[in-house]
Amino acid sequence: MNADRLASVVEAINNDNSAHNILQLLNNLEQTYTVSVQTPDPAHAHNFDAARAAISDAAGDSWVSVLSPSRLRILSTIGGDHFVGPGLEAAVESTIAQSATPSNAIEALQKLRAAAESFFATTSQLAKGFETLRIESEEVAEGEAEVEVRIPSALVSGRLRVFGEEAVKISRSLEQISETATGSPAPIAIRSFDSGSIQIFISLDPVSGAAILTFVTAVVQLMNAIVGARQSRAVLERDEAPADALRQLREWESERISNELDRIRDELLDKYSGDSGRKNELRTGLSSSLKFLADRIDRGMDISVFSEPEAVEAESESDETEKTPAEIAHETIAELGADLLKLDRPEEPVLLLDEGVSTDDKSE
């Protein structure tokens, strides 16, 4: 776990607690609930509803709700997702709903508050420790998008040579998507690596980040569509549908995958504003790159994108009537990022594009 990234998560947690006084909100919830069940009365019920609404408001206006995907994973790893942001509201609601009796619910709310108190005491001490050790929060710079690439270990077979080959292909693919989005080539800059798994954090402009996330979302949606088609075909096979009809369905699935990748490529190229000769070169290269990335996503590679809202808002102050490309890109990243979290990811490969991974075992 990256210490700078952990520091930024701890800072967001402590900011949430300071801004909303979460411990006091939980105490109010516990007290109003206790009174409402022990002394039923419309006024007491209203007070409990108000305390519950205050929790919901704090969850919706949360520092952690705008954390990047990698930071949200850290939040979950350290057990903080139950005490801040949307997870706080979910924890409260499940605590009340799953309690068999009001007395059980009161006891569970007391335990939740005690756990939150211990957690916030720990994060407060952590913040002081980070300051003493001069570990600063790692933040996404203004005017940039952070692209996180998580590579399953199976894709590189634990070998540095294979990882290098994968990194070259990933870099080439992302560079080409970025070039179609911005009109000019730009090198892929690495911000940092993370431990525990193969994670690379890359800095790009928001417009490129939005284009990459648009592609990733389309691939995951395609994967789900193919899963649905195969489930329907399995039903037809059980019903002993004609073999020729089943064969045509399999062919249609393959064509659908190819056509969708071509559609995404053409949409990217339609936005390209660079040299026309280079556009023709990109058409061939982009086809290969998109197929490669789709295969890796199909095999479990995750690509997520995050950009800071403040960076875009600062750019748009001078123009209140028309959104800047960066502002549009930020909105796209935020919307697609939320949509992607809701999509199921098939556990096994479904696109089966067969973009092979090198397993060269020869010595240098």
Protein backbone atom coordinates (compact mmCIF):
# COMPACT_ATOMS: atom_id res chain seq x y z
CA MET A 1 0.00 0.00 0.00
CA ASN A 2 1.43 3.36 -1.05
CA ALA A 3 2.05 5.48 2.06
CA ASP A 4 1.39 8.80 0.28
CA ARG A 5 -1.88 7.45 -1.07
CA LEU A 6 -2.86 6.13 2.38
CA ALA A 7 -2.11 9.57 3.79
CA SER A 8 -4.56 11.14 1.35
CA VAL A 9 -7.26 8.66 2.40
CA VAL A 10 -6.64 9.35 6.09
CA GLU A 11 -6.83 13.09 5.38
CA ALA A 12 -10.21 12.65 3.65
CA ILE A 13 -11.52 10.55 6.56
CA ASN A 14 -10.48 13.12 9.14
CA ASN A 15 -11.91 15.95 7.03
CA ASP A 16 -15.24 14.11 6.89
CA ASN A 17 -15.30 13.62 10.65
CA SER A 18 -14.35 17.23 11.30
CA ALA A 19 -16.86 18.65 8.83
CA HIS A 20 -19.83 16.57 9.96
CA ASN A 21 -18.94 15.48 13.52
CA ILE A 22 -19.86 11.92 12.64
CA LEU A 23 -19.52 10.63 16.20
CA GLN A 24 -22.08 13.18 17.37
CA LEU A 25 -24.40 12.21 14.50
CA LEU A 26 -24.17 8.56 15.51
CA ASN A 27 -24.77 9.46 19.15
CA ASN A 28 -27.85 11.50 18.19
CA LEU A 29 -29.14 8.61 16.09
CA GLU A 30 -28.68 6.16 18.94
CA GLN A 31 -30.35 8.42 21.49
CA THR A 32 -33.34 9.41 19.34
CA TYR A 33 -33.90 5.80 18.29
CA THR A 34 -33.81 4.66 21.92
CA VAL A 35 -36.34 7.28 22.97
CA SER A 36 -38.61 6.60 19.98
CA VAL A 37 -38.89 2.86 20.73
CA GLN A 38 -39.10 3.23 24.52
CA THR A 39 -41.61 6.08 24.44
CA PRO A 40 -43.54 5.96 21.15
CA ASP A 41 -44.62 9.46 20.20
CA PRO A 42 -44.84 11.40 16.90
CA ALA A 43 -42.38 14.00 18.15
CA HIS A 44 -39.85 11.34 19.14
CA ALA A 45 -40.29 9.59 15.80
CA HIS A 46 -39.70 12.92 14.05
CA ASN A 47 -36.47 13.45 16.00
CA PHE A 48 -35.26 10.00 14.99
CA ASP A 49 -36.10 10.69 11.34
CA ALA A 50 -34.17 13.96 11.55
CA ALA A 51 -31.13 12.19 13.02
CA ARG A 52 -31.34 9.60 10.28
CA ALA A 53 -31.57 12.34 7.63
CA ALA A 54 -28.50 14.05 9.10
CA ILE A 55 -26.53 10.82 8.60
CA SER A 56 -27.74 10.68 5.00
CA ASP A 57 -26.75 14.31 4.39
CA ALA A 58 -23.26 13.71 5.81
CA ALA A 59 -22.88 10.62 3.64
CA GLY A 60 -23.88 12.54 0.51
CA ASP A 61 -21.60 15.51 1.25
CA SER A 62 -18.50 13.45 1.87
CA TRP A 63 -14.83 13.97 1.13
CA VAL A 64 -14.37 10.27 0.49
CA SER A 65 -17.13 10.17 -2.13
CA VAL A 66 -14.77 11.88 -4.59
CA LEU A 67 -11.75 9.67 -3.91
CA SER A 68 -10.18 7.82 -6.82
CA PRO A 69 -10.88 4.07 -7.22
CA SER A 70 -7.49 3.09 -5.79
CA ARG A 71 -8.07 5.28 -2.73
CA LEU A 72 -11.54 3.82 -2.25
CA ARG A 73 -9.95 0.37 -2.19
CA ILE A 74 -7.57 1.57 0.52
CA LEU A 75 -10.54 2.96 2.45
CA SER A 76 -12.18 -0.47 2.27
CA THR A 77 -8.96 -2.29 3.17
CA ILE A 78 -8.51 -0.30 6.40
CA GLY A 79 -12.17 -0.77 7.30
CA GLY A 80 -13.16 2.87 6.94
CA ASP A 81 -15.96 2.46 4.44
CA HIS A 82 -18.42 1.77 7.29
CA PHE A 83 -17.77 5.10 9.00
CA VAL A 84 -17.70 7.74 6.25
CA GLY A 85 -19.46 8.49 2.97
CA PRO A 86 -22.16 6.29 1.47
CA GLY A 87 -20.86 3.33 3.48
CA LEU A 88 -21.79 5.09 6.72
CA GLU A 89 -25.42 5.43 5.69
CA ALA A 90 -25.48 1.83 4.45
CA ALA A 91 -24.01 0.61 7.75
CA VAL A 92 -26.65 2.49 9.76
CA GLU A 93 -29.54 1.29 7.63
CA SER A 94 -28.40 -2.35 7.65
CA THR A 95 -27.82 -2.20 11.41
CA ILE A 96 -31.42 -1.12 11.99
CA ALA A 97 -32.98 -3.37 9.34
CA GLN A 98 -31.15 -6.54 10.36
CA SER A 99 -31.79 -6.27 14.09
CA ALA A 100 -34.43 -8.72 15.26
CA THR A 101 -35.73 -6.45 18.02
CA PRO A 102 -35.44 -2.75 18.97
CA SER A 103 -33.14 -3.70 21.86
CA ASN A 104 -30.88 -5.54 19.41
CA ALA A 105 -30.85 -2.46 17.20
CA ILE A 106 -29.90 -0.20 20.11
CA GLU A 107 -27.06 -2.53 21.04
CA ALA A 108 -25.87 -2.69 17.43
CA LEU A 109 -25.93 1.11 17.10
CA GLN A 110 -23.89 1.39 20.28
CA LYS A 111 -21.31 -1.00 18.86
CA LEU A 112 -21.20 0.94 15.58
CA ARG A 113 -20.61 4.21 17.43
CA ALA A 114 -17.90 2.66 19.62
CA ALA A 115 -16.18 1.19 16.57
CA ALA A 116 -16.33 4.56 14.80
CA GLU A 117 -14.88 6.29 17.86
CA SER A 118 -11.94 3.87 17.92
CA PHE A 119 -11.45 4.20 14.16
CA PHE A 120 -11.39 8.00 14.15
CA ALA A 121 -8.99 8.04 17.10
CA THR A 122 -6.67 5.82 15.05
CA THR A 123 -6.87 7.97 11.90
CA SER A 124 -6.24 11.09 13.97
CA GLN A 125 -3.06 9.52 15.36
CA LEU A 126 -2.10 8.34 11.89
CA ALA A 127 -2.34 11.88 10.55
CA LYS A 128 0.00 13.09 13.28
CA GLY A 129 2.38 10.24 12.51
CA PHE A 130 2.40 11.05 8.80
CA GLU A 131 3.20 14.67 9.64
CA THR A 132 6.06 13.62 11.93
CA LEU A 133 7.45 11.29 9.26
CA ARG A 134 6.99 13.99 6.58
CA ILE A 135 4.72 11.78 4.49
CA GLU A 136 2.51 14.08 2.45
CA SER A 137 -0.81 13.20 0.82
CA GLU A 138 -0.54 12.20 -2.82
CA GLU A 139 -3.11 14.11 -4.81
CA VAL A 140 -4.03 14.28 -8.48
CA ALA A 141 -2.57 17.49 -9.89
CA GLU A 142 -4.85 20.15 -11.32
CA GLY A 143 -5.44 19.77 -15.03
CA GLU A 144 -4.54 16.07 -14.98
CA ALA A 145 -6.40 12.78 -14.92
CA GLU A 146 -5.04 9.76 -13.07
CA VAL A 147 -5.29 6.49 -14.98
CA GLU A 148 -4.86 3.41 -12.83
CA VAL A 149 -3.92 0.14 -14.51
CA ARG A 150 -4.14 -3.02 -12.40
CA ILE A 151 -2.54 -6.01 -14.08
CA PRO A 152 -3.44 -9.53 -12.89
CA SER A 153 -0.31 -11.46 -11.93
CA ALA A 154 -1.36 -14.29 -14.25
CA LEU A 155 -0.90 -12.00 -17.24
CA VAL A 156 2.83 -11.61 -16.58
CA SER A 157 3.57 -15.07 -15.13
CA GLY A 158 5.67 -13.49 -12.40
CA ARG A 159 8.37 -12.58 -14.92
CA LEU A 160 9.98 -9.18 -15.38
CA ARG A 161 10.49 -9.77 -19.11
CA VAL A 162 6.78 -10.43 -19.68
CA PHE A 163 5.81 -7.44 -17.54
CA GLY A 164 8.06 -5.26 -19.70
CA GLU A 165 6.41 -6.52 -22.88
CA GLU A 166 2.94 -5.90 -21.42
CA ALA A 167 3.94 -2.41 -20.30
CA VAL A 168 5.11 -1.52 -23.80
CA LYS A 169 1.82 -2.67 -25.33
CA ILE A 170 -0.26 -0.89 -22.69
CA SER A 171 1.70 2.33 -23.18
CA ARG A 172 1.35 2.18 -26.98
CA SER A 173 -2.40 1.52 -26.73
CA LEU A 174 -3.09 4.33 -24.26
CA GLU A 175 -0.91 6.74 -26.25
CA GLN A 176 -2.93 6.06 -29.39
CA ILE A 177 -6.27 6.60 -27.64
CA SER A 178 -4.88 9.81 -26.14
CA GLU A 179 -3.69 10.99 -29.55
CA THR A 180 -7.12 10.49 -31.11
CA ALA A 181 -8.68 12.47 -28.24
CA THR A 182 -6.26 15.39 -28.22
CA GLY A 183 -4.92 15.46 -31.77
CA SER A 184 -1.29 15.13 -30.80
CA PRO A 185 0.90 12.33 -29.44
CA ALA A 186 2.11 12.56 -25.84
CA PRO A 187 4.31 10.23 -23.80
CA ILE A 188 2.70 8.29 -20.96
CA ALA A 189 4.08 9.58 -17.66
CA ILE A 190 4.15 7.25 -14.64
CA ARG A 191 3.11 8.92 -11.38
CA SER A 192 3.78 5.94 -9.12
CA PHE A 193 3.55 2.22 -8.58
CA ASP A 194 1.73 0.45 -5.78
CA SER A 195 2.63 -2.68 -3.86
CA GLY A 196 0.50 -5.73 -3.15
CA SER A 197 -0.43 -6.12 -6.81
CA ILE A 198 0.86 -4.79 -10.10
CA GLN A 199 -0.63 -1.32 -10.17
CA ILE A 200 0.61 1.55 -12.31
CA PHE A 201 -0.61 5.11 -11.86
CA ILE A 202 -0.33 7.27 -14.96
CA SER A 203 -0.79 11.02 -15.49
CA LEU A 204 -2.73 12.18 -18.54
CA ASP A 205 -4.87 15.12 -19.51
CA PRO A 206 -8.60 14.80 -18.61
CA VAL A 207 -9.68 14.61 -22.28
CA SER A 208 -7.47 11.57 -22.83
CA GLY A 209 -8.63 10.09 -19.54
CA ALA A 210 -12.27 10.44 -20.59
CA ALA A 211 -11.57 8.73 -23.92
CA ILE A 212 -9.85 5.82 -22.18
CA LEU A 213 -12.65 5.40 -19.66
CA THR A 214 -15.26 5.55 -22.44
CA PHE A 215 -13.49 2.66 -24.15
CA VAL A 216 -13.18 0.62 -20.94
CA THR A 217 -16.88 1.07 -20.14
CA ALA A 218 -17.87 0.01 -23.66
CA VAL A 219 -15.75 -3.14 -23.38
CA VAL A 220 -17.26 -4.16 -20.03
CA GLN A 221 -20.75 -3.53 -21.41
CA LEU A 222 -19.87 -5.68 -24.43
CA MET A 223 -18.64 -8.46 -22.16
CA ASN A 224 -21.94 -8.44 -20.28
CA ALA A 225 -23.91 -8.43 -23.54
CA ILE A 226 -22.00 -11.46 -24.81
CA VAL A 227 -22.59 -13.29 -21.52
CA GLY A 228 -26.32 -12.65 -21.92
CA ALA A 229 -26.26 -13.88 -25.52
CA ARG A 230 -24.46 -17.07 -24.51
CA GLN A 231 -26.93 -17.73 -21.73
CA SER A 232 -29.75 -17.45 -24.26
CA ARG A 233 -27.89 -19.77 -26.62
CA ALA A 234 -27.43 -22.29 -23.81
CA VAL A 235 -31.20 -22.35 -23.33
CA LEU A 236 -31.67 -23.02 -27.03
CA GLU A 237 -29.11 -25.82 -26.88
CA ARG A 238 -31.01 -27.45 -24.01
CA ASP A 239 -34.17 -27.15 -26.08
CA GLU A 240 -32.34 -28.92 -28.92
CA ALA A 241 -32.47 -26.03 -31.37
CA PRO A 242 -31.17 -26.78 -34.90
CA ALA A 243 -27.39 -27.07 -35.07
CA ASP A 244 -27.25 -24.63 -37.97
CA ALA A 245 -29.10 -21.98 -35.98
CA LEU A 246 -26.72 -22.42 -33.03
CA ARG A 247 -23.73 -22.13 -35.35
CA GLN A 248 -25.10 -18.88 -36.77
CA LEU A 249 -25.52 -17.51 -33.24
CA ARG A 250 -21.89 -18.29 -32.43
CA GLU A 251 -20.77 -16.56 -35.60
CA TRP A 252 -22.99 -13.59 -34.77
CA GLU A 253 -21.35 -13.29 -31.33
CA SER A 254 -17.89 -13.12 -32.92
CA GLU A 255 -19.07 -10.56 -35.48
CA ARG A 256 -20.68 -8.50 -32.75
CA ILE A 257 -17.39 -8.29 -30.84
CA SER A 258 -15.44 -7.31 -33.97
CA ASN A 259 -18.06 -4.78 -35.08
CA GLU A 260 -18.18 -3.16 -31.64
CA LEU A 261 -14.40 -2.71 -31.53
CA ASP A 262 -14.53 -1.22 -35.03
CA ARG A 263 -17.32 1.14 -33.95
CA ILE A 264 -15.31 2.35 -30.96
CA ARG A 265 -12.24 2.83 -33.17
CA ASP A 266 -14.22 4.88 -35.70
CA GLU A 267 -15.75 7.04 -32.95
CA LEU A 268 -12.30 7.78 -31.59
CA LEU A 269 -10.97 8.62 -35.04
CA ASP A 270 -13.94 10.90 -35.76
CA LYS A 271 -12.72 13.13 -32.93
CA TYR A 272 -9.12 13.18 -34.15
CA SER A 273 -8.05 16.68 -35.19
CA GLY A 274 -4.48 16.00 -36.25
CA ASP A 275 -2.81 15.37 -39.59
CA SER A 276 -4.91 13.37 -42.08
CA GLY A 277 -1.97 11.17 -43.03
CA ARG A 278 -1.39 10.32 -39.41
CA LYS A 279 -5.09 9.53 -39.08
CA ASN A 280 -4.73 6.73 -41.62
CA GLU A 281 -1.76 5.34 -39.70
CA LEU A 282 -3.74 5.50 -36.46
CA ARG A 283 -6.63 3.54 -37.96
CA THR A 284 -4.45 0.43 -38.33
CA GLY A 285 -2.57 0.88 -35.07
CA LEU A 286 -5.69 1.69 -33.09
CA SER A 287 -7.45 -1.46 -34.27
CA SER A 288 -4.61 -3.55 -32.86
CA SER A 289 -4.37 -1.50 -29.65
CA LEU A 290 -8.09 -1.62 -28.88
CA LYS A 291 -8.17 -5.37 -29.49
CA PHE A 292 -5.18 -5.79 -27.17
CA LEU A 293 -6.73 -3.70 -24.39
CA ALA A 294 -10.11 -5.41 -24.77
CA ASP A 295 -8.40 -8.79 -24.44
CA ARG A 296 -6.56 -7.71 -21.30
CA ILE A 297 -9.72 -6.27 -19.75
CA ASP A 298 -11.44 -9.53 -20.64
CA ARG A 299 -8.68 -11.38 -18.78
CA GLY A 300 -9.09 -9.28 -15.65
CA MET A 301 -7.02 -6.15 -16.12
CA ASP A 302 -8.69 -3.10 -14.54
CA ILE A 303 -8.34 0.41 -15.90
CA SER A 304 -9.90 3.24 -13.94
CA VAL A 305 -9.67 7.02 -14.36
CA PHE A 306 -10.03 9.86 -11.89
CA SER A 307 -9.77 13.64 -12.13
CA GLU A 308 -10.20 16.34 -9.50
CA PRO A 309 -13.33 18.51 -9.86
CA GLU A 310 -11.47 21.63 -8.70
CA ALA A 311 -9.05 21.46 -11.61
CA VAL A 312 -11.88 21.76 -14.14
CA GLU A 313 -13.88 24.35 -12.21
CA ALA A 314 -10.87 26.64 -12.06
CA GLU A 315 -10.48 26.48 -15.82
CA SER A 316 -14.13 27.30 -16.50
CA GLU A 317 -14.36 30.48 -14.40
CA SER A 318 -13.64 32.72 -17.41
CA ASP A 319 -16.39 31.20 -19.55
CA GLU A 320 -19.79 30.76 -17.94
CA THR A 321 -21.71 30.05 -21.15
CA GLU A 322 -19.73 27.22 -22.72
CA LYS A 323 -18.07 24.28 -21.03
CA THR A 324 -14.39 23.76 -21.68
CA PRO A 325 -13.14 20.43 -23.08
CA ALA A 326 -11.58 19.72 -19.67
CA GLU A 327 -14.89 20.35 -17.90
CA ILE A 328 -16.76 18.06 -20.28
CA ALA A 329 -14.04 15.44 -19.80
CA HIS A 330 -14.31 15.64 -16.02
CA GLU A 331 -18.07 15.17 -16.15
CA THR A 332 -17.61 12.16 -18.44
CA ILE A 333 -15.04 10.64 -16.08
CA ALA A 334 -17.30 11.14 -13.06
CA GLU A 335 -20.39 9.71 -14.79
CA LEU A 336 -18.70 6.73 -16.41
CA GLY A 337 -16.68 5.99 -13.28
CA ALA A 338 -19.91 5.69 -11.30
CA ASP A 339 -21.54 3.61 -14.05
CA LEU A 340 -18.55 1.26 -14.25
CA LEU A 341 -18.74 0.52 -10.53
CA LYS A 342 -22.31 -0.72 -11.02
CA LEU A 343 -21.48 -3.08 -13.87
CA ASP A 344 -20.82 -6.75 -13.19
CA ARG A 345 -17.51 -8.09 -14.41
CA PRO A 346 -17.60 -11.69 -15.67
CA GLU A 347 -15.19 -13.86 -13.71
CA GLU A 348 -13.99 -15.77 -16.79
CA PRO A 349 -12.94 -14.36 -20.20
CA VAL A 350 -15.87 -14.04 -22.62
CA LEU A 351 -14.52 -12.11 -25.59
CA LEU A 352 -11.79 -14.70 -26.24
CA LEU A 353 -9.79 -12.43 -28.53
CA ASP A 354 -6.64 -14.53 -28.10
CA GLU A 355 -4.16 -11.65 -27.87
CA GLY A 356 -1.49 -13.97 -26.46
CA VAL A 357 0.70 -13.19 -23.50
CA SER A 358 4.39 -13.91 -23.89
CA THR A 359 5.69 -16.70 -21.69
CA ASP A 360 9.26 -16.61 -23.03
CA ASP A 361 11.24 -18.72 -20.61
CA LYS A 362 14.61 -18.49 -22.26
CA SER A 363 17.52 -17.07 -20.35
CA GLU A 364 19.10 -13.77 -21.40
